[in-house]
Structure formats: structure tokens, C-alpha cells
């Protein structure tokens, strides 16, 4: 159950990062800010995918 809760949190936070990226397409600044923004988007996407896996499957944990 704990894995599914953390998965839901990951889906919400990762989804929010991706929605923000789609909403602000093209206004990323330059230099180090753009690199950090890109890293944040990649992290948000991974968080969304892994959170979705844990939300749907429970991470392979056995329910007792």
C-alpha cells in the first residue's frame, strides 16, 4: 500500500513538472538556467513514469 501511495505522489509531482514544461514552451532562458530547467523536466518525466509503475503494480510487493 505504501508503494502505491508514493507512486501516486510521484505521478502528481512528475505530472505537474511536465504540465509546467508544456505550458511554458520556449521561455527557458539561456545558459545554466536552461540546463537546469531541462534536467528538471527529465526528472519530472522519470518521476511520472516510475510513479505510474508503482501506482499501477505496487512495485511487485506482495499484499499480506
PDB file of N, CA and C in Angstrom:
ATOM      1  N   UNK A   1       0.827  -1.197   0.000  1.00  0.00           N
ATOM      2  CA  UNK A   1       0.000   0.000   0.000  1.00  0.00           C
ATOM      3  C   UNK A   1       0.871   1.260   0.000  1.00  0.00           C
ATOM      4  N   UNK A   2       1.965   1.208   0.751  1.00  0.00           N
ATOM      5  CA  UNK A   2       2.860   2.363   0.821  1.00  0.00           C
ATOM      6  C   UNK A   2       3.448   2.678  -0.548  1.00  0.00           C
ATOM      7  N   UNK A   3       3.805   1.634  -1.333  1.00  0.00           N
ATOM      8  CA  UNK A   3       4.352   1.856  -2.671  1.00  0.00           C
ATOM      9  C   UNK A   3       3.347   2.561  -3.574  1.00  0.00           C
ATOM     10  N   UNK A   4       2.092   2.207  -3.448  1.00  0.00           N
ATOM     11  CA  UNK A   4       1.059   2.846  -4.278  1.00  0.00           C
ATOM     12  C   UNK A   4       0.845   4.302  -3.887  1.00  0.00           C
ATOM     13  N   UNK A   5       0.947   4.601  -2.609  1.00  0.00           N
ATOM     14  CA  UNK A   5       0.808   5.991  -2.165  1.00  0.00           C
ATOM     15  C   UNK A   5       1.954   6.834  -2.688  1.00  0.00           C
ATOM     16  N   UNK A   6       3.192   6.310  -2.545  1.00  0.00           N
ATOM     17  CA  UNK A   6       4.341   7.037  -3.075  1.00  0.00           C
ATOM     18  C   UNK A   6       4.281   7.133  -4.592  1.00  0.00           C
ATOM     19  N   UNK A   7       3.745   6.116  -5.244  1.00  0.00           N
ATOM     20  CA  UNK A   7       3.554   6.166  -6.691  1.00  0.00           C
ATOM     21  C   UNK A   7       2.596   7.268  -7.093  1.00  0.00           C
ATOM     22  N   UNK A   8       1.510   7.421  -6.347  1.00  0.00           N
ATOM     23  CA  UNK A   8       0.551   8.493  -6.637  1.00  0.00           C
ATOM     24  C   UNK A   8       1.190   9.866  -6.462  1.00  0.00           C
ATOM     25  N   UNK A   9       2.007  10.010  -5.430  1.00  0.00           N
ATOM     26  CA  UNK A   9       2.705  11.279  -5.215  1.00  0.00           C
ATOM     27  C   UNK A   9       3.654  11.554  -6.376  1.00  0.00           C
ATOM     28  N   UNK A  10       4.363  10.532  -6.838  1.00  0.00           N
ATOM     29  CA  UNK A  10       5.260  10.690  -7.976  1.00  0.00           C
ATOM     30  C   UNK A  10       4.532  11.079  -9.241  1.00  0.00           C
ATOM     31  N   UNK A  11       3.371  10.492  -9.473  1.00  0.00           N
ATOM     32  CA  UNK A  11       2.583  10.836 -10.656  1.00  0.00           C
ATOM     33  C   UNK A  11       2.121  12.288 -10.587  1.00  0.00           C
ATOM     34  N   UNK A  12       1.676  12.729  -9.428  1.00  0.00           N
ATOM     35  CA  UNK A  12       1.197  14.108  -9.276  1.00  0.00           C
ATOM     36  C   UNK A  12       2.337  15.100  -9.461  1.00  0.00           C
ATOM     37  N   UNK A  13       3.456  14.896  -8.787  1.00  0.00           N
ATOM     38  CA  UNK A  13       4.583  15.836  -8.885  1.00  0.00           C
ATOM     39  C   UNK A  13       5.214  15.799 -10.271  1.00  0.00           C
ATOM     40  N   UNK A  14       5.438  14.608 -10.801  1.00  0.00           N
ATOM     41  CA  UNK A  14       6.001  14.496 -12.147  1.00  0.00           C
ATOM     42  C   UNK A  14       5.077  15.071 -13.193  1.00  0.00           C
ATOM     43  N   UNK A  15       3.786  14.817 -13.046  1.00  0.00           N
ATOM     44  CA  UNK A  15       2.809  15.379 -13.975  1.00  0.00           C
ATOM     45  C   UNK A  15       2.772  16.891 -13.910  1.00  0.00           C
ATOM     46  N   UNK A  16       2.900  17.445 -12.712  1.00  0.00           N
ATOM     47  CA  UNK A  16       2.919  18.907 -12.576  1.00  0.00           C
ATOM     48  C   UNK A  16       4.142  19.507 -13.259  1.00  0.00           C
ATOM     49  N   UNK A  17       5.293  18.844 -13.145  1.00  0.00           N
ATOM     50  CA  UNK A  17       6.506  19.328 -13.809  1.00  0.00           C
ATOM     51  C   UNK A  17       6.342  19.288 -15.321  1.00  0.00           C
ATOM     52  N   UNK A  18       5.729  18.231 -15.836  1.00  0.00           N
ATOM     53  CA  UNK A  18       5.530  18.124 -17.282  1.00  0.00           C
ATOM     54  C   UNK A  18       4.502  19.118 -17.788  1.00  0.00           C
ATOM     55  N   UNK A  19       3.434  19.339 -17.035  1.00  0.00           N
ATOM     56  CA  UNK A  19       2.428  20.328 -17.426  1.00  0.00           C
ATOM     57  C   UNK A  19       3.050  21.719 -17.464  1.00  0.00           C
ATOM     58  N   UNK A  20       3.883  22.030 -16.489  1.00  0.00           N
ATOM     59  CA  UNK A  20       4.571  23.321 -16.477  1.00  0.00           C
ATOM     60  C   UNK A  20       5.470  23.467 -17.698  1.00  0.00           C
ATOM     61  N   UNK A  21       6.138  22.392 -18.088  1.00  0.00           N
ATOM     62  CA  UNK A  21       7.009  22.417 -19.266  1.00  0.00           C
ATOM     63  C   UNK A  21       6.200  22.669 -20.531  1.00  0.00           C
ATOM     64  N   UNK A  22       5.044  21.997 -20.670  1.00  0.00           N
ATOM     65  CA  UNK A  22       4.199  22.211 -21.848  1.00  0.00           C
ATOM     66  C   UNK A  22       3.597  23.615 -21.859  1.00  0.00           C
ATOM     67  N   UNK A  23       3.271  24.116 -20.684  1.00  0.00           N
ATOM     68  CA  UNK A  23       2.638  25.431 -20.585  1.00  0.00           C
ATOM     69  C   UNK A  23       3.602  26.549 -20.944  1.00  0.00           C
ATOM     70  N   UNK A  24       4.875  26.398 -20.604  1.00  0.00           N
ATOM     71  CA  UNK A  24       5.863  27.445 -20.849  1.00  0.00           C
ATOM     72  C   UNK A  24       6.832  27.055 -21.958  1.00  0.00           C
ATOM     73  N   UNK A  25       6.333  26.507 -23.046  1.00  0.00           N
ATOM     74  CA  UNK A  25       7.193  26.070 -24.146  1.00  0.00           C
ATOM     75  C   UNK A  25       7.916  27.261 -24.768  1.00  0.00           C
ATOM     76  N   UNK A  26       9.247  27.194 -24.769  1.00  0.00           N
ATOM     77  CA  UNK A  26      10.040  28.210 -25.440  1.00  0.00           C
ATOM     78  C   UNK A  26      10.614  29.294 -24.553  1.00  0.00           C
ATOM     79  N   UNK A  27      10.182  29.435 -23.321  1.00  0.00           N
ATOM     80  CA  UNK A  27      10.687  30.506 -22.463  1.00  0.00           C
ATOM     81  C   UNK A  27      11.579  29.935 -21.361  1.00  0.00           C
ATOM     82  N   UNK A  28      12.723  29.373 -21.746  1.00  0.00           N
ATOM     83  CA  UNK A  28      13.597  28.701 -20.799  1.00  0.00           C
ATOM     84  C   UNK A  28      14.819  29.519 -20.413  1.00  0.00           C
ATOM     85  N   UNK A  29      14.997  30.692 -20.958  1.00  0.00           N
ATOM     86  CA  UNK A  29      16.185  31.474 -20.630  1.00  0.00           C
ATOM     87  C   UNK A  29      17.385  30.961 -21.392  1.00  0.00           C
ATOM     88  N   UNK A  30      18.561  31.178 -20.838  1.00  0.00           N
ATOM     89  CA  UNK A  30      19.764  30.717 -21.518  1.00  0.00           C
ATOM     90  C   UNK A  30      20.802  30.280 -20.493  1.00  0.00           C
ATOM     91  N   UNK A  31      21.812  29.578 -20.961  1.00  0.00           N
ATOM     92  CA  UNK A  31      22.921  29.176 -20.109  1.00  0.00           C
ATOM     93  C   UNK A  31      22.560  28.151 -19.073  1.00  0.00           C
ATOM     94  N   UNK A  32      23.017  28.381 -17.863  1.00  0.00           N
ATOM     95  CA  UNK A  32      22.846  27.419 -16.780  1.00  0.00           C
ATOM     96  C   UNK A  32      21.373  27.248 -16.409  1.00  0.00           C
ATOM     97  N   UNK A  33      20.579  28.304 -16.534  1.00  0.00           N
ATOM     98  CA  UNK A  33      19.158  28.189 -16.208  1.00  0.00           C
ATOM     99  C   UNK A  33      18.465  27.200 -17.152  1.00  0.00           C
ATOM    100  N   UNK A  34      18.788  27.278 -18.434  1.00  0.00           N
ATOM    101  CA  UNK A  34      18.186  26.370 -19.410  1.00  0.00           C
ATOM    102  C   UNK A  34      18.605  24.928 -19.140  1.00  0.00           C
ATOM    103  N   UNK A  35      19.864  24.721 -18.760  1.00  0.00           N
ATOM    104  CA  UNK A  35      20.334  23.374 -18.448  1.00  0.00           C
ATOM    105  C   UNK A  35      19.626  22.823 -17.219  1.00  0.00           C
ATOM    106  N   UNK A  36      19.468  23.631 -16.205  1.00  0.00           N
ATOM    107  CA  UNK A  36      18.759  23.202 -15.005  1.00  0.00           C
ATOM    108  C   UNK A  36      17.296  22.925 -15.274  1.00  0.00           C
ATOM    109  N   UNK A  37      16.690  23.728 -16.120  1.00  0.00           N
ATOM    110  CA  UNK A  37      15.288  23.538 -16.480  1.00  0.00           C
ATOM    111  C   UNK A  37      15.119  22.215 -17.219  1.00  0.00           C
ATOM    112  N   UNK A  38      16.048  21.924 -18.133  1.00  0.00           N
ATOM    113  CA  UNK A  38      15.987  20.669 -18.882  1.00  0.00           C
ATOM    114  C   UNK A  38      16.157  19.476 -17.946  1.00  0.00           C
ATOM    115  N   UNK A  39      17.077  19.574 -17.010  1.00  0.00           N
ATOM    116  CA  UNK A  39      17.269  18.493 -16.046  1.00  0.00           C
ATOM    117  C   UNK A  39      16.013  18.296 -15.200  1.00  0.00           C
ATOM    118  N   UNK A  40      15.347  19.377 -14.826  1.00  0.00           N
ATOM    119  CA  UNK A  40      14.110  19.277 -14.062  1.00  0.00           C
ATOM    120  C   UNK A  40      13.004  18.605 -14.845  1.00  0.00           C
ATOM    121  N   UNK A  41      12.925  18.895 -16.139  1.00  0.00           N
ATOM    122  CA  UNK A  41      11.905  18.269 -16.986  1.00  0.00           C
ATOM    123  C   UNK A  41      12.177  16.775 -17.126  1.00  0.00           C
ATOM    124  N   UNK A  42      13.442  16.404 -17.302  1.00  0.00           N
ATOM    125  CA  UNK A  42      13.796  14.992 -17.401  1.00  0.00           C
ATOM    126  C   UNK A  42      13.465  14.275 -16.091  1.00  0.00           C
ATOM    127  N   UNK A  43      13.807  14.884 -14.964  1.00  0.00           N
ATOM    128  CA  UNK A  43      13.491  14.295 -13.663  1.00  0.00           C
ATOM    129  C   UNK A  43      11.981  14.167 -13.486  1.00  0.00           C
ATOM    130  N   UNK A  44      11.229  15.183 -13.894  1.00  0.00           N
ATOM    131  CA  UNK A  44       9.770  15.121 -13.787  1.00  0.00           C
ATOM    132  C   UNK A  44       9.186  13.993 -14.623  1.00  0.00           C
ATOM    133  N   UNK A  45       9.727  13.800 -15.824  1.00  0.00           N
ATOM    134  CA  UNK A  45       9.250  12.707 -16.671  1.00  0.00           C
ATOM    135  C   UNK A  45       9.537  11.343 -16.071  1.00  0.00           C
ATOM    136  N   UNK A  46      10.752  11.175 -15.539  1.00  0.00           N
ATOM    137  CA  UNK A  46      11.091   9.914 -14.897  1.00  0.00           C
ATOM    138  C   UNK A  46      10.242   9.679 -13.655  1.00  0.00           C
ATOM    139  N   UNK A  47      10.018  10.724 -12.888  1.00  0.00           N
ATOM    140  CA  UNK A  47       9.181  10.615 -11.691  1.00  0.00           C
ATOM    141  C   UNK A  47       7.765  10.201 -12.064  1.00  0.00           C
ATOM    142  N   UNK A  48       7.251  10.755 -13.150  1.00  0.00           N
ATOM    143  CA  UNK A  48       5.909  10.420 -13.618  1.00  0.00           C
ATOM    144  C   UNK A  48       5.836   8.950 -14.045  1.00  0.00           C
ATOM    145  N   UNK A  49       6.829   8.495 -14.810  1.00  0.00           N
ATOM    146  CA  UNK A  49       6.811   7.116 -15.295  1.00  0.00           C
ATOM    147  C   UNK A  49       6.978   6.101 -14.172  1.00  0.00           C
ATOM    148  N   UNK A  50       7.952   6.314 -13.312  1.00  0.00           N
ATOM    149  CA  UNK A  50       8.185   5.369 -12.215  1.00  0.00           C
ATOM    150  C   UNK A  50       7.029   5.416 -11.216  1.00  0.00           C
ATOM    151  N   UNK A  51       6.504   6.608 -10.960  1.00  0.00           N
ATOM    152  CA  UNK A  51       5.347   6.716 -10.077  1.00  0.00           C
ATOM    153  C   UNK A  51       4.141   5.989 -10.636  1.00  0.00           C
ATOM    154  N   UNK A  52       3.941   6.084 -11.941  1.00  0.00           N
ATOM    155  CA  UNK A  52       2.839   5.362 -12.575  1.00  0.00           C
ATOM    156  C   UNK A  52       2.995   3.856 -12.469  1.00  0.00           C
ATOM    157  N   UNK A  53       4.235   3.387 -12.623  1.00  0.00           N
ATOM    158  CA  UNK A  53       4.502   1.950 -12.468  1.00  0.00           C
ATOM    159  C   UNK A  53       4.152   1.490 -11.053  1.00  0.00           C
ATOM    160  N   UNK A  54       4.628   2.230 -10.058  1.00  0.00           N
ATOM    161  CA  UNK A  54       4.359   1.837  -8.667  1.00  0.00           C
ATOM    162  C   UNK A  54       2.879   2.012  -8.307  1.00  0.00           C
ATOM    163  N   UNK A  55       2.228   2.980  -8.914  1.00  0.00           N
ATOM    164  CA  UNK A  55       0.803   3.177  -8.644  1.00  0.00           C
ATOM    165  C   UNK A  55      -0.022   2.029  -9.203  1.00  0.00           C
ATOM    166  N   UNK A  56       0.325   1.569 -10.399  1.00  0.00           N
ATOM    167  CA  UNK A  56      -0.461   0.517 -11.045  1.00  0.00           C
ATOM    168  C   UNK A  56      -0.130  -0.883 -10.546  1.00  0.00           C
ATOM    169  N   UNK A  57       1.158  -1.143 -10.293  1.00  0.00           N
ATOM    170  CA  UNK A  57       1.555  -2.506  -9.937  1.00  0.00           C
ATOM    171  C   UNK A  57       1.882  -2.689  -8.471  1.00  0.00           C
ATOM    172  N   UNK A  58       2.105  -1.627  -7.756  1.00  0.00           N
ATOM    173  CA  UNK A  58       2.512  -1.745  -6.363  1.00  0.00           C
ATOM    174  C   UNK A  58       3.982  -2.077  -6.225  1.00  0.00           C
ATOM    175  N   UNK A  59       4.718  -2.041  -7.329  1.00  0.00           N
ATOM    176  CA  UNK A  59       6.151  -2.304  -7.285  1.00  0.00           C
ATOM    177  C   UNK A  59       6.502  -3.771  -7.070  1.00  0.00           C
ATOM    178  N   UNK A  60       5.565  -4.649  -7.337  1.00  0.00           N
ATOM    179  CA  UNK A  60       5.834  -6.080  -7.162  1.00  0.00           C
ATOM    180  C   UNK A  60       5.741  -6.530  -5.721  1.00  0.00           C
ATOM    181  N   UNK A  61       5.280  -5.677  -4.826  1.00  0.00           N
ATOM    182  CA  UNK A  61       5.162  -6.047  -3.412  1.00  0.00           C
ATOM    183  C   UNK A  61       3.975  -6.987  -3.221  1.00  0.00           C
ATOM    184  N   UNK A  62       4.148  -7.941  -2.334  1.00  0.00           N
ATOM    185  CA  UNK A  62       3.077  -8.884  -2.022  1.00  0.00           C
ATOM    186  C   UNK A  62       2.191  -8.305  -0.936  1.00  0.00           C
ATOM    187  N   UNK A  63       0.884  -8.363  -1.142  1.00  0.00           N
ATOM    188  CA  UNK A  63      -0.069  -7.930  -0.106  1.00  0.00           C
ATOM    189  C   UNK A  63      -0.328  -9.111   0.823  1.00  0.00           C
ATOM    190  N   UNK A  64      -0.128  -8.886   2.110  1.00  0.00           N
ATOM    191  CA  UNK A  64      -0.357  -9.969   3.085  1.00  0.00           C
ATOM    192  C   UNK A  64      -1.727  -9.911   3.626  1.00  0.00           C
TER     193      UNK A  64
END
